[in-house]
Amino acid sequence: MTSSLLTVSRPEGRWFPVIRPYTPISSLTKQGSVELMVRKYPNGKASTHIHSLAPGDTLTFLTALKGFPWSPNKFSQVHLIAGGAGITPIFQLIQGILDNPADKTKINLIFGVNNEQDLLLREELESYKTRFPDRFNYIYTISHPKEENSPYRKGHVTEELLKTAVTVDKDSHVFVSGPPAMEASLLGSRSAPGILSRLGFAKGQIYQF
């Protein structure tokens, strides 16, 4: 089961509280603590407040938001498409699958970011690749690389990329989490099919975090 936590904060100078969902990156089976990855945005009402907290301060958790009801071996393979900070619910799913010895699901991750510094959880992902080379594969794609001779693919998550990166079959599923523009291009609308639909995925095979 994937899930997020709904947090409530009251930044200094604000009368009304700020409510935001965050997905834990700690294992769901870990008891007694929870680890969140919160990206700080210059004008972020919640993120700047959370980054200002010191040990001993408190943060209110309003409720847990249920996500996808995962069952081990539910699909033979899953394609996970993440953009930027959208990697957090995707990473939670990766952990849940690969840390369960009974789950043999294969994972194919496509992770798009603006630059190399935005490759969140890179060490953790590469550790999973080392431990599960036959079950976990990833592609990083960077729209505006800063490093000269960057080893990563350059560009956005496009239809051309996904044509070569994903396999469409009845026993696979796609999970999407990223910025609105990326999700809109992948999922489409009532009047215009998205990239995933054009590739052949049925509506019931796609889950949006």
C-alpha atoms as a PDB file:
ATOM      1  CA  MET A   1       0.000   0.000   0.000  1.00  0.00           C
ATOM      2  CA  THR A   2       1.384   3.377  -0.940  1.00  0.00           C
ATOM      3  CA  SER A   3       0.316   6.315   1.200  1.00  0.00           C
ATOM      4  CA  SER A   4       1.021   9.962   1.996  1.00  0.00           C
ATOM      5  CA  LEU A   5       0.731  12.057   5.138  1.00  0.00           C
ATOM      6  CA  LEU A   6      -1.259  15.278   5.245  1.00  0.00           C
ATOM      7  CA  THR A   7       0.698  17.858   7.238  1.00  0.00           C
ATOM      8  CA  VAL A   8      -0.575  21.066   8.816  1.00  0.00           C
ATOM      9  CA  SER A   9       1.781  23.973   9.519  1.00  0.00           C
ATOM     10  CA  ARG A  10       1.361  27.600  10.471  1.00  0.00           C
ATOM     11  CA  PRO A  11       4.286  29.619   9.094  1.00  0.00           C
ATOM     12  CA  GLU A  12       5.215  32.763  11.010  1.00  0.00           C
ATOM     13  CA  GLY A  13       3.032  35.698  10.046  1.00  0.00           C
ATOM     14  CA  ARG A  14       0.214  33.570   8.619  1.00  0.00           C
ATOM     15  CA  TRP A  15      -3.202  33.347  10.277  1.00  0.00           C
ATOM     16  CA  PHE A  16      -4.474  30.379   8.267  1.00  0.00           C
ATOM     17  CA  PRO A  17      -2.653  27.041   8.388  1.00  0.00           C
ATOM     18  CA  VAL A  18      -0.955  25.524   5.336  1.00  0.00           C
ATOM     19  CA  ILE A  19      -1.897  21.962   4.454  1.00  0.00           C
ATOM     20  CA  ARG A  20       0.299  19.818   2.207  1.00  0.00           C
ATOM     21  CA  PRO A  21       0.633  16.080   1.476  1.00  0.00           C
ATOM     22  CA  TYR A  22       4.075  14.481   1.750  1.00  0.00           C
ATOM     23  CA  THR A  23       5.043  10.905   0.985  1.00  0.00           C
ATOM     24  CA  PRO A  24       7.389   9.213   3.482  1.00  0.00           C
ATOM     25  CA  ILE A  25      10.610   7.843   2.032  1.00  0.00           C
ATOM     26  CA  SER A  26      11.149   5.594   5.035  1.00  0.00           C
ATOM     27  CA  SER A  27       9.953   2.024   4.855  1.00  0.00           C
ATOM     28  CA  LEU A  28       6.278   1.539   5.679  1.00  0.00           C
ATOM     29  CA  THR A  29       7.267  -1.362   7.938  1.00  0.00           C
ATOM     30  CA  LYS A  30       9.594   0.791  10.045  1.00  0.00           C
ATOM     31  CA  GLN A  31       8.041   1.500  13.430  1.00  0.00           C
ATOM     32  CA  GLY A  32       8.486   4.537  15.684  1.00  0.00           C
ATOM     33  CA  SER A  33       9.665   7.118  13.167  1.00  0.00           C
ATOM     34  CA  VAL A  34       8.919   8.553   9.745  1.00  0.00           C
ATOM     35  CA  GLU A  35      11.313  10.145   7.269  1.00  0.00           C
ATOM     36  CA  LEU A  36      10.138  12.814   4.835  1.00  0.00           C
ATOM     37  CA  MET A  37      11.983  14.401   1.927  1.00  0.00           C
ATOM     38  CA  VAL A  38      10.784  17.994   1.616  1.00  0.00           C
ATOM     39  CA  ARG A  39      12.200  20.101  -1.181  1.00  0.00           C
ATOM     40  CA  LYS A  40      12.571  23.746  -0.199  1.00  0.00           C
ATOM     41  CA  TYR A  41      11.124  26.213  -2.693  1.00  0.00           C
ATOM     42  CA  PRO A  42      12.017  29.947  -2.460  1.00  0.00           C
ATOM     43  CA  ASN A  43       8.377  30.966  -1.984  1.00  0.00           C
ATOM     44  CA  GLY A  44       7.079  27.669  -0.671  1.00  0.00           C
ATOM     45  CA  LYS A  45       4.683  28.331   2.199  1.00  0.00           C
ATOM     46  CA  ALA A  46       4.942  24.857   3.712  1.00  0.00           C
ATOM     47  CA  SER A  47       8.436  23.815   2.622  1.00  0.00           C
ATOM     48  CA  THR A  48      10.200  26.948   3.931  1.00  0.00           C
ATOM     49  CA  HIS A  49       8.425  26.559   7.268  1.00  0.00           C
ATOM     50  CA  ILE A  50       9.340  22.896   7.595  1.00  0.00           C
ATOM     51  CA  HIS A  51      12.984  23.651   6.729  1.00  0.00           C
ATOM     52  CA  SER A  52      13.014  26.275   9.492  1.00  0.00           C
ATOM     53  CA  LEU A  53      12.084  23.750  12.173  1.00  0.00           C
ATOM     54  CA  ALA A  54      14.713  22.747  14.724  1.00  0.00           C
ATOM     55  CA  PRO A  55      14.999  19.589  16.859  1.00  0.00           C
ATOM     56  CA  GLY A  56      12.273  19.745  19.475  1.00  0.00           C
ATOM     57  CA  ASP A  57       9.816  21.676  17.299  1.00  0.00           C
ATOM     58  CA  THR A  58       6.556  20.066  16.310  1.00  0.00           C
ATOM     59  CA  LEU A  59       4.729  19.451  13.044  1.00  0.00           C
ATOM     60  CA  THR A  60       1.108  18.373  12.982  1.00  0.00           C
ATOM     61  CA  PHE A  61       0.044  15.393  10.857  1.00  0.00           C
ATOM     62  CA  LEU A  62      -3.635  15.657  10.057  1.00  0.00           C
ATOM     63  CA  THR A  63      -4.251  12.241   8.521  1.00  0.00           C
ATOM     64  CA  ALA A  64      -2.859   9.528   6.286  1.00  0.00           C
ATOM     65  CA  LEU A  65      -3.947   9.524   2.643  1.00  0.00           C
ATOM     66  CA  LYS A  66      -4.460   6.083   1.161  1.00  0.00           C
ATOM     67  CA  GLY A  67      -2.680   5.394  -2.079  1.00  0.00           C
ATOM     68  CA  PHE A  68      -2.542   2.428  -4.426  1.00  0.00           C
ATOM     69  CA  PRO A  69      -3.500  -0.899  -2.775  1.00  0.00           C
ATOM     70  CA  TRP A  70      -0.380  -2.826  -3.771  1.00  0.00           C
ATOM     71  CA  SER A  71      -0.257  -6.613  -3.586  1.00  0.00           C
ATOM     72  CA  PRO A  72       2.968  -8.595  -4.168  1.00  0.00           C
ATOM     73  CA  ASN A  73       3.251 -10.016  -7.692  1.00  0.00           C
ATOM     74  CA  LYS A  74       0.082  -8.204  -8.758  1.00  0.00           C
ATOM     75  CA  PHE A  75       1.826  -7.399 -12.062  1.00  0.00           C
ATOM     76  CA  SER A  76       4.815  -8.997 -13.746  1.00  0.00           C
ATOM     77  CA  GLN A  77       6.312  -5.549 -14.398  1.00  0.00           C
ATOM     78  CA  VAL A  78       5.608  -1.929 -13.466  1.00  0.00           C
ATOM     79  CA  HIS A  79       6.752   1.194 -15.277  1.00  0.00           C
ATOM     80  CA  LEU A  80       7.330   4.105 -12.910  1.00  0.00           C
ATOM     81  CA  ILE A  81       7.488   7.591 -14.462  1.00  0.00           C
ATOM     82  CA  ALA A  82       8.628  10.339 -12.098  1.00  0.00           C
ATOM     83  CA  GLY A  83       9.443  14.009 -12.485  1.00  0.00           C
ATOM     84  CA  GLY A  84      11.370  16.054  -9.909  1.00  0.00           C
ATOM     85  CA  ALA A  85      10.042  15.738  -6.365  1.00  0.00           C
ATOM     86  CA  GLY A  86       7.431  13.306  -7.712  1.00  0.00           C
ATOM     87  CA  ILE A  87      10.037  10.613  -7.076  1.00  0.00           C
ATOM     88  CA  THR A  88       8.943  10.298  -3.427  1.00  0.00           C
ATOM     89  CA  PRO A  89       5.746   8.211  -3.878  1.00  0.00           C
ATOM     90  CA  ILE A  90       7.515   6.299  -6.647  1.00  0.00           C
ATOM     91  CA  PHE A  91      10.416   5.533  -4.298  1.00  0.00           C
ATOM     92  CA  GLN A  92       7.990   4.331  -1.638  1.00  0.00           C
ATOM     93  CA  LEU A  93       6.615   1.823  -4.128  1.00  0.00           C
ATOM     94  CA  ILE A  94      10.126   0.736  -5.167  1.00  0.00           C
ATOM     95  CA  GLN A  95      11.015   0.080  -1.529  1.00  0.00           C
ATOM     96  CA  GLY A  96       7.836  -1.853  -0.887  1.00  0.00           C
ATOM     97  CA  ILE A  97       8.474  -4.157  -3.840  1.00  0.00           C
ATOM     98  CA  LEU A  98      12.219  -4.743  -3.641  1.00  0.00           C
ATOM     99  CA  ASP A  99      12.427  -5.007   0.162  1.00  0.00           C
ATOM    100  CA  ASN A 100       9.839  -7.803   0.123  1.00  0.00           C
ATOM    101  CA  PRO A 101      11.543 -11.157  -0.639  1.00  0.00           C
ATOM    102  CA  ALA A 102       8.194 -12.629  -1.707  1.00  0.00           C
ATOM    103  CA  ASP A 103       7.601  -9.968  -4.377  1.00  0.00           C
ATOM    104  CA  LYS A 104       9.242 -10.709  -7.750  1.00  0.00           C
ATOM    105  CA  THR A 105       7.782  -7.777  -9.702  1.00  0.00           C
ATOM    106  CA  LYS A 106      10.171  -6.181 -12.197  1.00  0.00           C
ATOM    107  CA  ILE A 107      10.544  -2.398 -12.070  1.00  0.00           C
ATOM    108  CA  ASN A 108      11.341   0.026 -14.866  1.00  0.00           C
ATOM    109  CA  LEU A 109      11.899   3.628 -13.695  1.00  0.00           C
ATOM    110  CA  ILE A 110      12.006   6.706 -15.946  1.00  0.00           C
ATOM    111  CA  PHE A 111      13.059   9.730 -13.886  1.00  0.00           C
ATOM    112  CA  GLY A 112      13.080  13.206 -15.449  1.00  0.00           C
ATOM    113  CA  VAL A 113      14.637  16.269 -13.774  1.00  0.00           C
ATOM    114  CA  ASN A 114      15.887  19.755 -14.636  1.00  0.00           C
ATOM    115  CA  ASN A 115      19.565  19.188 -13.742  1.00  0.00           C
ATOM    116  CA  GLU A 116      21.880  16.702 -12.063  1.00  0.00           C
ATOM    117  CA  GLN A 117      21.324  18.206  -8.586  1.00  0.00           C
ATOM    118  CA  ASP A 118      17.634  17.352  -8.903  1.00  0.00           C
ATOM    119  CA  LEU A 119      18.313  13.606  -9.043  1.00  0.00           C
ATOM    120  CA  LEU A 120      16.890  13.004  -5.591  1.00  0.00           C
ATOM    121  CA  LEU A 121      17.547   9.641  -3.928  1.00  0.00           C
ATOM    122  CA  ARG A 122      20.150   8.815  -6.566  1.00  0.00           C
ATOM    123  CA  GLU A 123      22.351   6.814  -4.183  1.00  0.00           C
ATOM    124  CA  GLU A 124      19.403   4.792  -2.927  1.00  0.00           C
ATOM    125  CA  LEU A 125      18.204   4.046  -6.454  1.00  0.00           C
ATOM    126  CA  GLU A 126      21.642   3.000  -7.633  1.00  0.00           C
ATOM    127  CA  SER A 127      21.987   0.764  -4.575  1.00  0.00           C
ATOM    128  CA  TYR A 128      18.793  -1.033  -5.572  1.00  0.00           C
ATOM    129  CA  LYS A 129      20.144  -1.420  -9.106  1.00  0.00           C
ATOM    130  CA  THR A 130      23.282  -3.075  -7.697  1.00  0.00           C
ATOM    131  CA  ARG A 131      21.274  -5.398  -5.475  1.00  0.00           C
ATOM    132  CA  PHE A 132      18.579  -6.273  -8.043  1.00  0.00           C
ATOM    133  CA  PRO A 133      20.187  -5.953 -11.500  1.00  0.00           C
ATOM    134  CA  ASP A 134      17.694  -8.331 -13.119  1.00  0.00           C
ATOM    135  CA  ARG A 135      14.592  -6.736 -11.623  1.00  0.00           C
ATOM    136  CA  PHE A 136      15.272  -3.010 -11.366  1.00  0.00           C
ATOM    137  CA  ASN A 137      16.255  -0.701 -14.200  1.00  0.00           C
ATOM    138  CA  TYR A 138      16.228   3.088 -14.444  1.00  0.00           C
ATOM    139  CA  ILE A 139      16.688   5.842 -16.992  1.00  0.00           C
ATOM    140  CA  TYR A 140      17.583   9.372 -15.929  1.00  0.00           C
ATOM    141  CA  THR A 141      16.755  12.163 -18.351  1.00  0.00           C
ATOM    142  CA  ILE A 142      17.851  15.760 -17.675  1.00  0.00           C
ATOM    143  CA  SER A 143      16.302  18.709 -19.459  1.00  0.00           C
ATOM    144  CA  HIS A 144      18.987  21.297 -18.576  1.00  0.00           C
ATOM    145  CA  PRO A 145      22.232  19.541 -17.585  1.00  0.00           C
ATOM    146  CA  LYS A 146      24.864  21.667 -15.844  1.00  0.00           C
ATOM    147  CA  GLU A 147      27.736  19.205 -16.001  1.00  0.00           C
ATOM    148  CA  GLU A 148      29.934  19.058 -19.082  1.00  0.00           C
ATOM    149  CA  ASN A 149      29.851  15.638 -20.727  1.00  0.00           C
ATOM    150  CA  SER A 150      26.980  14.603 -18.480  1.00  0.00           C
ATOM    151  CA  PRO A 151      26.566  10.797 -18.530  1.00  0.00           C
ATOM    152  CA  TYR A 152      22.791  11.088 -18.471  1.00  0.00           C
ATOM    153  CA  ARG A 153      20.295  11.363 -21.270  1.00  0.00           C
ATOM    154  CA  LYS A 154      19.414  14.946 -22.191  1.00  0.00           C
ATOM    155  CA  GLY A 155      15.782  15.982 -22.638  1.00  0.00           C
ATOM    156  CA  HIS A 156      12.325  15.660 -21.160  1.00  0.00           C
ATOM    157  CA  VAL A 157      10.161  12.576 -20.674  1.00  0.00           C
ATOM    158  CA  THR A 158       8.846  12.364 -24.236  1.00  0.00           C
ATOM    159  CA  GLU A 159       6.851   9.955 -26.336  1.00  0.00           C
ATOM    160  CA  GLU A 160      10.000   9.093 -28.299  1.00  0.00           C
ATOM    161  CA  LEU A 161      11.780   8.123 -25.077  1.00  0.00           C
ATOM    162  CA  LEU A 162       8.908   6.037 -23.749  1.00  0.00           C
ATOM    163  CA  LYS A 163       8.519   4.174 -27.043  1.00  0.00           C
ATOM    164  CA  THR A 164      11.936   2.639 -26.427  1.00  0.00           C
ATOM    165  CA  ALA A 165      11.797   2.510 -22.613  1.00  0.00           C
ATOM    166  CA  VAL A 166       8.488   0.786 -21.839  1.00  0.00           C
ATOM    167  CA  THR A 167       6.838  -2.434 -22.923  1.00  0.00           C
ATOM    168  CA  VAL A 168       3.081  -2.459 -23.347  1.00  0.00           C
ATOM    169  CA  ASP A 169       1.379  -5.695 -22.344  1.00  0.00           C
ATOM    170  CA  LYS A 170      -1.681  -6.765 -20.371  1.00  0.00           C
ATOM    171  CA  ASP A 171       0.358  -7.793 -17.327  1.00  0.00           C
ATOM    172  CA  SER A 172       2.078  -4.442 -16.761  1.00  0.00           C
ATOM    173  CA  HIS A 173       1.051  -1.244 -15.009  1.00  0.00           C
ATOM    174  CA  VAL A 174       2.195   2.382 -15.149  1.00  0.00           C
ATOM    175  CA  PHE A 175       2.526   4.743 -12.178  1.00  0.00           C
ATOM    176  CA  VAL A 176       2.944   8.482 -12.792  1.00  0.00           C
ATOM    177  CA  SER A 177       4.071  11.213 -10.394  1.00  0.00           C
ATOM    178  CA  GLY A 178       5.489  14.580 -11.388  1.00  0.00           C
ATOM    179  CA  PRO A 179       4.808  18.211 -12.208  1.00  0.00           C
ATOM    180  CA  PRO A 180       1.423  19.086 -13.760  1.00  0.00           C
ATOM    181  CA  ALA A 181       2.780  19.675 -17.273  1.00  0.00           C
ATOM    182  CA  MET A 182       4.485  16.277 -17.376  1.00  0.00           C
ATOM    183  CA  GLU A 183       1.426  14.465 -16.030  1.00  0.00           C
ATOM    184  CA  ALA A 184      -0.851  16.257 -18.498  1.00  0.00           C
ATOM    185  CA  SER A 185       1.277  15.167 -21.451  1.00  0.00           C
ATOM    186  CA  LEU A 186       1.334  11.570 -20.229  1.00  0.00           C
ATOM    187  CA  LEU A 187      -2.312  11.267 -19.206  1.00  0.00           C
ATOM    188  CA  GLY A 188      -4.016  13.567 -21.707  1.00  0.00           C
ATOM    189  CA  SER A 189      -7.602  14.755 -21.316  1.00  0.00           C
ATOM    190  CA  ARG A 190     -11.111  13.813 -22.399  1.00  0.00           C
ATOM    191  CA  SER A 191     -10.618  15.546 -25.727  1.00  0.00           C
ATOM    192  CA  ALA A 192      -7.001  14.563 -26.404  1.00  0.00           C
ATOM    193  CA  PRO A 193      -5.307  11.233 -25.576  1.00  0.00           C
ATOM    194  CA  GLY A 194      -2.023  11.400 -23.701  1.00  0.00           C
ATOM    195  CA  ILE A 195       1.280   9.751 -24.512  1.00  0.00           C
ATOM    196  CA  LEU A 196       0.514   6.600 -22.507  1.00  0.00           C
ATOM    197  CA  SER A 197      -2.786   6.088 -24.286  1.00  0.00           C
ATOM    198  CA  ARG A 198      -1.152   6.541 -27.666  1.00  0.00           C
ATOM    199  CA  LEU A 199       1.440   3.955 -26.726  1.00  0.00           C
ATOM    200  CA  GLY A 200      -1.327   1.428 -26.083  1.00  0.00           C
ATOM    201  CA  PHE A 201      -1.890   1.471 -22.324  1.00  0.00           C
ATOM    202  CA  ALA A 202      -5.517   1.132 -21.238  1.00  0.00           C
ATOM    203  CA  LYS A 203      -6.953   3.557 -18.691  1.00  0.00           C
ATOM    204  CA  GLY A 204      -7.097   0.814 -16.072  1.00  0.00           C
ATOM    205  CA  GLN A 205      -3.358   0.207 -16.425  1.00  0.00           C
ATOM    206  CA  ILE A 206      -2.396   3.732 -15.377  1.00  0.00           C
ATOM    207  CA  TYR A 207      -2.279   5.143 -11.846  1.00  0.00           C
ATOM    208  CA  GLN A 208      -1.590   8.810 -11.062  1.00  0.00           C
ATOM    209  CA  PHE A 209      -0.219   9.615  -7.617  1.00  0.00           C
END
